[in-house]
Amino acid sequence: MPSYNYASYIREAIESVIKQTYTNWELIIIDDASTDSSLGIIKEYLRKDPRIKLVINEKNLGLAKTLKKGMSFAEGNWIAFLECDDIFQPTSLEKKMEAAQSGAELIFSAAEGFDNKNKIQKFEKHIEDINKYIIKLDKSMFIEGFPNFVYKTNIIPTFSVVMVKKEILAGCNFNPLCETALDYYLWAQLCFHKIYYIHEKLTLWRLHNDSYLNRKQYSWLRKFLFSISIFAQTVQNKNRIQQFFIIANSIRKRLIYFNISKNRIKLSLFNNRYIFEKFLP
């Protein structure tokens, strides 16, 4: 659980872990140099439950480095994410551990948005579009063909619905061009693994104006280059010729998506050595 200046919410998040029906867990909280009363609240729980551990960053490192640091302290074989403004339903870990017995390597569930009405409506529309245009998520199942559509959109709504094997997560690159899309970047790298979806809302996802997503803004160019990196990740196991044409076609589509004119950016699919040398093996 990464923590940064969410004193108003972190108590609910910690309580939701303590109330889990599955009890063989450890909660590692990594505080990223909070300046509010978050640390005081966390330390209350350290005294109450020995399964809770606290790691404190001396300076603010950001989400990517904080998560990677926290993972190094984990003793178990599975990592279940919970952002400190979200809430687990009581059976969240139990249901995911049951799914883990099926051979899954990354498990995610549905989520229920709460807090901001407008943001909830946008989230529900996003899920509706996924079911209509990408993949129908209407039952618990292994996700077949994940690499074929992960570059289109992120079907996993938030870190807080995911549990993943530590050994495969440890092999991921944690340095996306857009840090707010770190989760999407990780899932693209893990898209060839066995992914299982639980059709139950096991996480309450707090949608609010002070969320991490709303704190950072990136230029259109950085977002554009990030989207290319997603394409590169999804075809990493194919040969270079296949990679070239898949990514070239994806770039063409993204140029249209971002409405980038020839006058705004001169991009040659065949000569842009920066893109292909950076993202292709």
C-alpha atoms as a PDB file:
ATOM      1  CA  MET A   1       0.000   0.000   0.000  1.00  0.00           C
ATOM      2  CA  PRO A   2       1.673   3.214  -1.139  1.00  0.00           C
ATOM      3  CA  SER A   3       0.832   6.190   1.085  1.00  0.00           C
ATOM      4  CA  TYR A   4       1.140   9.897   0.355  1.00  0.00           C
ATOM      5  CA  ASN A   5      -0.910  12.596   2.084  1.00  0.00           C
ATOM      6  CA  TYR A   6      -4.162  10.649   2.268  1.00  0.00           C
ATOM      7  CA  ALA A   7      -4.770  10.901   6.007  1.00  0.00           C
ATOM      8  CA  SER A   8      -8.471  11.359   5.299  1.00  0.00           C
ATOM      9  CA  TYR A   9      -8.730   7.957   3.633  1.00  0.00           C
ATOM     10  CA  ILE A  10      -5.952   5.637   4.802  1.00  0.00           C
ATOM     11  CA  ARG A  11      -7.725   4.486   7.976  1.00  0.00           C
ATOM     12  CA  GLU A  12     -10.564   3.002   5.894  1.00  0.00           C
ATOM     13  CA  ALA A  13      -8.073   1.289   3.606  1.00  0.00           C
ATOM     14  CA  ILE A  14      -6.148  -0.323   6.481  1.00  0.00           C
ATOM     15  CA  GLU A  15      -9.351  -1.397   8.242  1.00  0.00           C
ATOM     16  CA  SER A  16     -10.528  -3.092   5.042  1.00  0.00           C
ATOM     17  CA  VAL A  17      -7.397  -5.256   5.043  1.00  0.00           C
ATOM     18  CA  ILE A  18      -7.760  -6.159   8.720  1.00  0.00           C
ATOM     19  CA  LYS A  19     -11.348  -7.270   8.057  1.00  0.00           C
ATOM     20  CA  GLN A  20     -10.369  -9.738   5.333  1.00  0.00           C
ATOM     21  CA  THR A  21     -11.801 -13.257   5.627  1.00  0.00           C
ATOM     22  CA  TYR A  22      -8.425 -14.516   4.365  1.00  0.00           C
ATOM     23  CA  THR A  23      -6.057 -13.909   7.269  1.00  0.00           C
ATOM     24  CA  ASN A  24      -2.623 -15.072   6.076  1.00  0.00           C
ATOM     25  CA  TRP A  25      -1.525 -11.668   4.781  1.00  0.00           C
ATOM     26  CA  GLU A  26       1.092  -9.024   5.482  1.00  0.00           C
ATOM     27  CA  LEU A  27       0.341  -5.366   4.848  1.00  0.00           C
ATOM     28  CA  ILE A  28       3.380  -3.366   3.751  1.00  0.00           C
ATOM     29  CA  ILE A  29       2.709   0.367   3.803  1.00  0.00           C
ATOM     30  CA  ILE A  30       5.308   2.535   2.063  1.00  0.00           C
ATOM     31  CA  ASP A  31       4.918   6.165   3.037  1.00  0.00           C
ATOM     32  CA  ASP A  32       6.308   8.446   0.361  1.00  0.00           C
ATOM     33  CA  ALA A  33       7.331  11.335   2.667  1.00  0.00           C
ATOM     34  CA  SER A  34       3.808  12.414   3.631  1.00  0.00           C
ATOM     35  CA  THR A  35       3.463  15.854   5.190  1.00  0.00           C
ATOM     36  CA  ASP A  36       0.010  15.340   6.743  1.00  0.00           C
ATOM     37  CA  SER A  37      -1.010  13.098   9.652  1.00  0.00           C
ATOM     38  CA  SER A  38      -0.826   9.849   7.653  1.00  0.00           C
ATOM     39  CA  LEU A  39       2.190   8.499   9.561  1.00  0.00           C
ATOM     40  CA  GLY A  40       0.501   8.966  12.908  1.00  0.00           C
ATOM     41  CA  ILE A  41      -2.506   6.954  11.763  1.00  0.00           C
ATOM     42  CA  ILE A  42      -0.336   4.184  10.303  1.00  0.00           C
ATOM     43  CA  LYS A  43       1.695   3.903  13.512  1.00  0.00           C
ATOM     44  CA  GLU A  44      -1.526   3.387  15.490  1.00  0.00           C
ATOM     45  CA  TYR A  45      -2.133   0.221  13.486  1.00  0.00           C
ATOM     46  CA  LEU A  46       1.469  -0.963  13.799  1.00  0.00           C
ATOM     47  CA  ARG A  47       0.870  -1.244  17.531  1.00  0.00           C
ATOM     48  CA  LYS A  48      -2.388  -3.152  17.011  1.00  0.00           C
ATOM     49  CA  ASP A  49      -1.464  -5.758  14.389  1.00  0.00           C
ATOM     50  CA  PRO A  50       1.993  -7.343  13.852  1.00  0.00           C
ATOM     51  CA  ARG A  51       1.075  -8.217  10.257  1.00  0.00           C
ATOM     52  CA  ILE A  52       1.325  -4.526   9.344  1.00  0.00           C
ATOM     53  CA  LYS A  53       4.740  -3.144   8.393  1.00  0.00           C
ATOM     54  CA  LEU A  54       5.801   0.421   7.644  1.00  0.00           C
ATOM     55  CA  VAL A  55       8.537   1.606   5.294  1.00  0.00           C
ATOM     56  CA  ILE A  56       9.235   5.354   5.185  1.00  0.00           C
ATOM     57  CA  ASN A  57      10.841   7.144   2.253  1.00  0.00           C
ATOM     58  CA  GLU A  58      13.124   9.942   3.440  1.00  0.00           C
ATOM     59  CA  LYS A  59      12.150  11.951   0.363  1.00  0.00           C
ATOM     60  CA  ASN A  60       9.293  11.736  -2.099  1.00  0.00           C
ATOM     61  CA  LEU A  61      10.142   9.113  -4.719  1.00  0.00           C
ATOM     62  CA  GLY A  62       6.899   8.929  -6.677  1.00  0.00           C
ATOM     63  CA  LEU A  63       4.589   5.983  -7.204  1.00  0.00           C
ATOM     64  CA  ALA A  64       6.783   3.785  -9.424  1.00  0.00           C
ATOM     65  CA  LYS A  65       9.853   3.756  -7.181  1.00  0.00           C
ATOM     66  CA  THR A  66       7.693   3.475  -4.065  1.00  0.00           C
ATOM     67  CA  LEU A  67       5.869   0.386  -5.339  1.00  0.00           C
ATOM     68  CA  LYS A  68       9.078  -1.273  -6.459  1.00  0.00           C
ATOM     69  CA  LYS A  69      10.669  -0.574  -3.081  1.00  0.00           C
ATOM     70  CA  GLY A  70       7.671  -1.979  -1.234  1.00  0.00           C
ATOM     71  CA  MET A  71       7.768  -5.150  -3.303  1.00  0.00           C
ATOM     72  CA  SER A  72      11.309  -5.836  -2.099  1.00  0.00           C
ATOM     73  CA  PHE A  73      10.008  -6.100   1.489  1.00  0.00           C
ATOM     74  CA  ALA A  74       7.268  -8.615   0.638  1.00  0.00           C
ATOM     75  CA  GLU A  75       7.803 -12.114   2.016  1.00  0.00           C
ATOM     76  CA  GLY A  76       4.921 -13.859   0.211  1.00  0.00           C
ATOM     77  CA  ASN A  77       4.664 -15.154  -3.352  1.00  0.00           C
ATOM     78  CA  TRP A  78       1.782 -12.855  -4.320  1.00  0.00           C
ATOM     79  CA  ILE A  79       1.411  -9.072  -4.397  1.00  0.00           C
ATOM     80  CA  ALA A  80      -2.089  -7.629  -3.960  1.00  0.00           C
ATOM     81  CA  PHE A  81      -2.239  -3.890  -4.543  1.00  0.00           C
ATOM     82  CA  LEU A  82      -4.399  -1.523  -2.520  1.00  0.00           C
ATOM     83  CA  GLU A  83      -4.069   2.211  -2.954  1.00  0.00           C
ATOM     84  CA  CYS A  84      -4.526   4.054   0.327  1.00  0.00           C
ATOM     85  CA  ASP A  85      -7.717   5.821  -0.779  1.00  0.00           C
ATOM     86  CA  ASP A  86      -9.454   2.593  -1.845  1.00  0.00           C
ATOM     87  CA  ILE A  87     -11.218  -0.157   0.102  1.00  0.00           C
ATOM     88  CA  PHE A  88     -11.183  -3.954  -0.121  1.00  0.00           C
ATOM     89  CA  GLN A  89     -14.429  -5.848   0.240  1.00  0.00           C
ATOM     90  CA  PRO A  90     -14.109  -8.454   3.055  1.00  0.00           C
ATOM     91  CA  THR A  91     -13.683 -11.428   0.682  1.00  0.00           C
ATOM     92  CA  SER A  92     -11.302  -9.710  -1.746  1.00  0.00           C
ATOM     93  CA  LEU A  93      -8.144 -11.638  -0.825  1.00  0.00           C
ATOM     94  CA  GLU A  94     -10.001 -14.909  -0.252  1.00  0.00           C
ATOM     95  CA  LYS A  95     -11.549 -14.860  -3.732  1.00  0.00           C
ATOM     96  CA  LYS A  96      -8.234 -13.971  -5.361  1.00  0.00           C
ATOM     97  CA  MET A  97      -6.368 -16.712  -3.527  1.00  0.00           C
ATOM     98  CA  GLU A  98      -9.006 -19.186  -4.697  1.00  0.00           C
ATOM     99  CA  ALA A  99      -8.446 -18.035  -8.283  1.00  0.00           C
ATOM    100  CA  ALA A 100      -4.696 -18.440  -7.787  1.00  0.00           C
ATOM    101  CA  GLN A 101      -5.221 -22.192  -7.366  1.00  0.00           C
ATOM    102  CA  SER A 102      -6.358 -22.391 -11.003  1.00  0.00           C
ATOM    103  CA  GLY A 103      -2.895 -21.570 -12.337  1.00  0.00           C
ATOM    104  CA  ALA A 104      -3.468 -17.846 -12.862  1.00  0.00           C
ATOM    105  CA  GLU A 105      -0.464 -15.532 -12.652  1.00  0.00           C
ATOM    106  CA  LEU A 106      -2.281 -12.191 -12.667  1.00  0.00           C
ATOM    107  CA  ILE A 107      -5.760 -11.890 -11.175  1.00  0.00           C
ATOM    108  CA  PHE A 108      -8.048  -8.891 -11.304  1.00  0.00           C
ATOM    109  CA  SER A 109     -11.628  -8.296 -10.259  1.00  0.00           C
ATOM    110  CA  ALA A 110     -14.384  -5.865 -11.086  1.00  0.00           C
ATOM    111  CA  ALA A 111     -14.571  -2.655  -9.040  1.00  0.00           C
ATOM    112  CA  GLU A 112     -17.302  -0.401  -7.741  1.00  0.00           C
ATOM    113  CA  GLY A 113     -16.647   3.313  -8.075  1.00  0.00           C
ATOM    114  CA  PHE A 114     -17.724   5.680  -5.331  1.00  0.00           C
ATOM    115  CA  ASP A 115     -17.380   9.287  -4.121  1.00  0.00           C
ATOM    116  CA  ASN A 116     -17.590  11.594  -7.181  1.00  0.00           C
ATOM    117  CA  LYS A 117     -20.794  11.111  -9.206  1.00  0.00           C
ATOM    118  CA  ASN A 118     -19.418  12.508 -12.483  1.00  0.00           C
ATOM    119  CA  LYS A 119     -16.303  10.357 -12.309  1.00  0.00           C
ATOM    120  CA  ILE A 120     -18.392   7.293 -11.488  1.00  0.00           C
ATOM    121  CA  GLN A 121     -20.473   7.883 -14.626  1.00  0.00           C
ATOM    122  CA  LYS A 122     -17.297   8.136 -16.753  1.00  0.00           C
ATOM    123  CA  PHE A 123     -15.948   4.939 -15.208  1.00  0.00           C
ATOM    124  CA  GLU A 124     -19.189   3.061 -15.860  1.00  0.00           C
ATOM    125  CA  LYS A 125     -19.201   4.308 -19.471  1.00  0.00           C
ATOM    126  CA  HIS A 126     -15.620   3.054 -19.861  1.00  0.00           C
ATOM    127  CA  ILE A 127     -16.621  -0.413 -18.617  1.00  0.00           C
ATOM    128  CA  GLU A 128     -19.637  -0.358 -20.932  1.00  0.00           C
ATOM    129  CA  ASP A 129     -17.379   0.436 -23.907  1.00  0.00           C
ATOM    130  CA  ILE A 130     -14.956  -2.346 -22.980  1.00  0.00           C
ATOM    131  CA  ASN A 131     -17.799  -4.863 -22.931  1.00  0.00           C
ATOM    132  CA  LYS A 132     -19.162  -3.562 -26.223  1.00  0.00           C
ATOM    133  CA  TYR A 133     -16.002  -3.083 -28.269  1.00  0.00           C
ATOM    134  CA  ILE A 134     -13.118  -4.990 -26.642  1.00  0.00           C
ATOM    135  CA  ILE A 135     -14.134  -8.027 -24.566  1.00  0.00           C
ATOM    136  CA  LYS A 136     -17.315  -9.032 -22.776  1.00  0.00           C
ATOM    137  CA  LEU A 137     -16.581  -9.253 -19.065  1.00  0.00           C
ATOM    138  CA  ASP A 138     -19.744 -10.902 -17.825  1.00  0.00           C
ATOM    139  CA  LYS A 139     -18.356 -13.914 -15.943  1.00  0.00           C
ATOM    140  CA  SER A 140     -15.248 -15.081 -14.096  1.00  0.00           C
ATOM    141  CA  MET A 141     -12.783 -16.469 -16.626  1.00  0.00           C
ATOM    142  CA  PHE A 142      -9.266 -16.625 -17.999  1.00  0.00           C
ATOM    143  CA  ILE A 143      -8.741 -13.743 -20.419  1.00  0.00           C
ATOM    144  CA  GLU A 144      -7.824 -15.190 -23.806  1.00  0.00           C
ATOM    145  CA  GLY A 145      -6.005 -13.037 -26.343  1.00  0.00           C
ATOM    146  CA  PHE A 146      -4.999 -10.324 -23.864  1.00  0.00           C
ATOM    147  CA  PRO A 147      -2.002  -9.228 -26.024  1.00  0.00           C
ATOM    148  CA  ASN A 148      -4.344  -8.615 -28.964  1.00  0.00           C
ATOM    149  CA  PHE A 149      -6.326  -5.860 -27.287  1.00  0.00           C
ATOM    150  CA  VAL A 150      -4.216  -4.502 -24.413  1.00  0.00           C
ATOM    151  CA  TYR A 151      -2.803  -1.826 -26.736  1.00  0.00           C
ATOM    152  CA  LYS A 152      -6.323  -0.545 -27.424  1.00  0.00           C
ATOM    153  CA  THR A 153      -7.233   0.315 -23.843  1.00  0.00           C
ATOM    154  CA  ASN A 154      -6.562  -0.664 -20.236  1.00  0.00           C
ATOM    155  CA  ILE A 155      -9.342  -3.048 -19.212  1.00  0.00           C
ATOM    156  CA  ILE A 156      -8.007  -3.284 -15.637  1.00  0.00           C
ATOM    157  CA  PRO A 157      -9.530  -0.235 -13.929  1.00  0.00           C
ATOM    158  CA  THR A 158      -7.136   0.327 -11.014  1.00  0.00           C
ATOM    159  CA  PHE A 159      -4.146  -1.137  -9.192  1.00  0.00           C
ATOM    160  CA  SER A 160      -6.461  -1.953  -6.292  1.00  0.00           C
ATOM    161  CA  VAL A 161      -8.216  -4.821  -8.126  1.00  0.00           C
ATOM    162  CA  VAL A 162      -5.010  -6.708  -8.983  1.00  0.00           C
ATOM    163  CA  MET A 163      -3.084  -9.553  -7.401  1.00  0.00           C
ATOM    164  CA  VAL A 164      -0.007 -10.795  -9.260  1.00  0.00           C
ATOM    165  CA  LYS A 165       2.807 -13.285  -8.713  1.00  0.00           C
ATOM    166  CA  LYS A 166       5.771 -11.493  -7.211  1.00  0.00           C
ATOM    167  CA  GLU A 167       8.311 -13.331  -9.367  1.00  0.00           C
ATOM    168  CA  ILE A 168       6.849 -12.094 -12.652  1.00  0.00           C
ATOM    169  CA  LEU A 169       6.171  -8.581 -11.362  1.00  0.00           C
ATOM    170  CA  ALA A 170       9.809  -8.321 -10.254  1.00  0.00           C
ATOM    171  CA  GLY A 171      10.905  -8.704 -13.870  1.00  0.00           C
ATOM    172  CA  CYS A 172       8.931  -5.675 -15.072  1.00  0.00           C
ATOM    173  CA  ASN A 173      10.236  -2.269 -16.050  1.00  0.00           C
ATOM    174  CA  PHE A 174       8.792   0.327 -13.646  1.00  0.00           C
ATOM    175  CA  ASN A 175       9.750   3.396 -15.674  1.00  0.00           C
ATOM    176  CA  PRO A 176       6.879   4.437 -17.992  1.00  0.00           C
ATOM    177  CA  LEU A 177       6.951   7.706 -19.899  1.00  0.00           C
ATOM    178  CA  CYS A 178       3.723   8.673 -18.093  1.00  0.00           C
ATOM    179  CA  GLU A 179       3.863   7.744 -14.420  1.00  0.00           C
ATOM    180  CA  THR A 180       0.091   8.058 -14.013  1.00  0.00           C
ATOM    181  CA  ALA A 181      -0.238   5.126 -16.420  1.00  0.00           C
ATOM    182  CA  LEU A 182       2.228   2.913 -14.537  1.00  0.00           C
ATOM    183  CA  ASP A 183      -0.402   0.204 -14.049  1.00  0.00           C
ATOM    184  CA  TYR A 184      -1.213   0.066 -17.782  1.00  0.00           C
ATOM    185  CA  TYR A 185       2.513  -0.142 -18.571  1.00  0.00           C
ATOM    186  CA  LEU A 186       2.954  -3.081 -16.203  1.00  0.00           C
ATOM    187  CA  TRP A 187      -0.052  -4.993 -17.543  1.00  0.00           C
ATOM    188  CA  ALA A 188       1.263  -4.601 -21.103  1.00  0.00           C
ATOM    189  CA  GLN A 189       4.503  -6.257 -20.002  1.00  0.00           C
ATOM    190  CA  LEU A 190       2.601  -9.085 -18.309  1.00  0.00           C
ATOM    191  CA  CYS A 191       0.077  -9.624 -21.102  1.00  0.00           C
ATOM    192  CA  PHE A 192       1.533 -13.002 -22.170  1.00  0.00           C
ATOM    193  CA  HIS A 193       1.029 -14.506 -18.721  1.00  0.00           C
ATOM    194  CA  LYS A 194      -2.092 -16.313 -17.511  1.00  0.00           C
ATOM    195  CA  ILE A 195      -4.618 -13.612 -16.618  1.00  0.00           C
ATOM    196  CA  TYR A 196      -7.811 -14.369 -14.718  1.00  0.00           C
ATOM    197  CA  TYR A 197     -10.818 -12.087 -14.253  1.00  0.00           C
ATOM    198  CA  ILE A 198     -13.181 -12.354 -11.241  1.00  0.00           C
ATOM    199  CA  HIS A 199     -16.645 -11.067 -12.057  1.00  0.00           C
ATOM    200  CA  GLU A 200     -17.273  -9.645  -8.595  1.00  0.00           C
ATOM    201  CA  LYS A 201     -16.792  -6.096  -7.314  1.00  0.00           C
ATOM    202  CA  LEU A 202     -14.135  -6.926  -4.742  1.00  0.00           C
ATOM    203  CA  THR A 203     -12.744  -3.393  -4.526  1.00  0.00           C
ATOM    204  CA  LEU A 204     -14.348  -0.040  -3.814  1.00  0.00           C
ATOM    205  CA  TRP A 205     -12.483   2.425  -6.028  1.00  0.00           C
ATOM    206  CA  ARG A 206     -12.579   5.986  -4.707  1.00  0.00           C
ATOM    207  CA  LEU A 207     -12.994   8.388  -7.618  1.00  0.00           C
ATOM    208  CA  HIS A 208     -12.235  11.918  -6.476  1.00  0.00           C
ATOM    209  CA  ASN A 209     -10.608  15.149  -7.643  1.00  0.00           C
ATOM    210  CA  ASP A 210      -7.531  14.744  -5.436  1.00  0.00           C
ATOM    211  CA  SER A 211      -6.597  11.348  -6.824  1.00  0.00           C
ATOM    212  CA  TYR A 212      -3.102  10.548  -8.056  1.00  0.00           C
ATOM    213  CA  LEU A 213      -4.336  10.610 -11.656  1.00  0.00           C
ATOM    214  CA  ASN A 214      -5.499  14.203 -11.265  1.00  0.00           C
ATOM    215  CA  ARG A 215      -2.302  15.415  -9.614  1.00  0.00           C
ATOM    216  CA  LYS A 216      -0.069  14.989 -12.649  1.00  0.00           C
ATOM    217  CA  GLN A 217      -0.408  16.254 -16.203  1.00  0.00           C
ATOM    218  CA  TYR A 218       1.656  15.262 -19.223  1.00  0.00           C
ATOM    219  CA  SER A 219       2.117  16.771 -22.667  1.00  0.00           C
ATOM    220  CA  TRP A 220       0.438  15.205 -25.686  1.00  0.00           C
ATOM    221  CA  LEU A 221       3.863  14.173 -27.018  1.00  0.00           C
ATOM    222  CA  ARG A 222       4.797  12.239 -23.901  1.00  0.00           C
ATOM    223  CA  LYS A 223       1.397  10.528 -23.892  1.00  0.00           C
ATOM    224  CA  PHE A 224       1.870   9.725 -27.572  1.00  0.00           C
ATOM    225  CA  LEU A 225       5.301   8.184 -27.020  1.00  0.00           C
ATOM    226  CA  PHE A 226       3.943   6.264 -24.046  1.00  0.00           C
ATOM    227  CA  SER A 227       1.233   4.743 -26.246  1.00  0.00           C
ATOM    228  CA  ILE A 228       3.934   3.544 -28.627  1.00  0.00           C
ATOM    229  CA  SER A 229       5.763   1.904 -25.734  1.00  0.00           C
ATOM    230  CA  ILE A 230       2.556  -0.004 -24.928  1.00  0.00           C
ATOM    231  CA  PHE A 231       2.456  -1.330 -28.497  1.00  0.00           C
ATOM    232  CA  ALA A 232       6.097  -2.381 -28.260  1.00  0.00           C
ATOM    233  CA  GLN A 233       5.475  -4.246 -25.012  1.00  0.00           C
ATOM    234  CA  THR A 234       2.539  -6.189 -26.442  1.00  0.00           C
ATOM    235  CA  VAL A 235       4.543  -7.583 -29.343  1.00  0.00           C
ATOM    236  CA  GLN A 236       7.802  -8.172 -27.503  1.00  0.00           C
ATOM    237  CA  ASN A 237       7.789 -11.923 -28.204  1.00  0.00           C
ATOM    238  CA  LYS A 238       7.256 -11.615 -31.957  1.00  0.00           C
ATOM    239  CA  ASN A 239       9.985 -11.257 -34.592  1.00  0.00           C
ATOM    240  CA  ARG A 240      11.266  -7.821 -35.690  1.00  0.00           C
ATOM    241  CA  ILE A 241       9.371  -7.758 -39.001  1.00  0.00           C
ATOM    242  CA  GLN A 242       6.053  -8.432 -37.286  1.00  0.00           C
ATOM    243  CA  GLN A 243       6.920  -5.871 -34.643  1.00  0.00           C
ATOM    244  CA  PHE A 244       7.682  -3.225 -37.218  1.00  0.00           C
ATOM    245  CA  PHE A 245       4.388  -3.491 -39.088  1.00  0.00           C
ATOM    246  CA  ILE A 246       2.235  -3.843 -35.976  1.00  0.00           C
ATOM    247  CA  ILE A 247       3.823  -0.827 -34.321  1.00  0.00           C
ATOM    248  CA  ALA A 248       3.866   1.177 -37.559  1.00  0.00           C
ATOM    249  CA  ASN A 249       0.141   0.612 -38.003  1.00  0.00           C
ATOM    250  CA  SER A 250      -0.488   1.452 -34.353  1.00  0.00           C
ATOM    251  CA  ILE A 251       1.457   4.701 -34.716  1.00  0.00           C
ATOM    252  CA  ARG A 252      -0.642   5.626 -37.731  1.00  0.00           C
ATOM    253  CA  LYS A 253      -3.824   5.026 -35.726  1.00  0.00           C
ATOM    254  CA  ARG A 254      -2.514   7.005 -32.774  1.00  0.00           C
ATOM    255  CA  LEU A 255      -1.574   9.913 -35.030  1.00  0.00           C
ATOM    256  CA  ILE A 256      -5.230  10.044 -35.995  1.00  0.00           C
ATOM    257  CA  TYR A 257      -6.354   9.588 -32.375  1.00  0.00           C
ATOM    258  CA  PHE A 258      -4.217  12.475 -31.156  1.00  0.00           C
ATOM    259  CA  ASN A 259      -5.135  14.562 -34.235  1.00  0.00           C
ATOM    260  CA  ILE A 260      -1.476  15.241 -34.981  1.00  0.00           C
ATOM    261  CA  SER A 261      -1.058  16.959 -38.355  1.00  0.00           C
ATOM    262  CA  LYS A 262       1.997  16.709 -40.596  1.00  0.00           C
ATOM    263  CA  ASN A 263       2.790  20.312 -39.780  1.00  0.00           C
ATOM    264  CA  ARG A 264       2.772  19.600 -36.067  1.00  0.00           C
ATOM    265  CA  ILE A 265       5.100  16.617 -36.075  1.00  0.00           C
ATOM    266  CA  LYS A 266       7.096  15.061 -38.898  1.00  0.00           C
ATOM    267  CA  LEU A 267       7.146  11.375 -38.127  1.00  0.00           C
ATOM    268  CA  SER A 268       8.611   8.850 -40.559  1.00  0.00           C
ATOM    269  CA  LEU A 269       7.711   5.291 -39.650  1.00  0.00           C
ATOM    270  CA  PHE A 270      10.734   3.982 -41.510  1.00  0.00           C
ATOM    271  CA  ASN A 271      13.337   6.498 -40.312  1.00  0.00           C
ATOM    272  CA  ASN A 272      12.400   7.296 -36.735  1.00  0.00           C
ATOM    273  CA  ARG A 273      15.343   5.523 -35.158  1.00  0.00           C
ATOM    274  CA  TYR A 274      14.551   6.933 -31.700  1.00  0.00           C
ATOM    275  CA  ILE A 275      11.260   5.059 -31.401  1.00  0.00           C
ATOM    276  CA  PHE A 276      12.339   1.719 -32.813  1.00  0.00           C
ATOM    277  CA  GLU A 277      15.762   1.564 -31.168  1.00  0.00           C
ATOM    278  CA  LYS A 278      14.255   2.587 -27.811  1.00  0.00           C
ATOM    279  CA  PHE A 279      11.376   0.130 -27.702  1.00  0.00           C
ATOM    280  CA  LEU A 280      12.384  -2.862 -29.842  1.00  0.00           C
ATOM    281  CA  PRO A 281      14.805  -5.516 -28.549  1.00  0.00           C
END
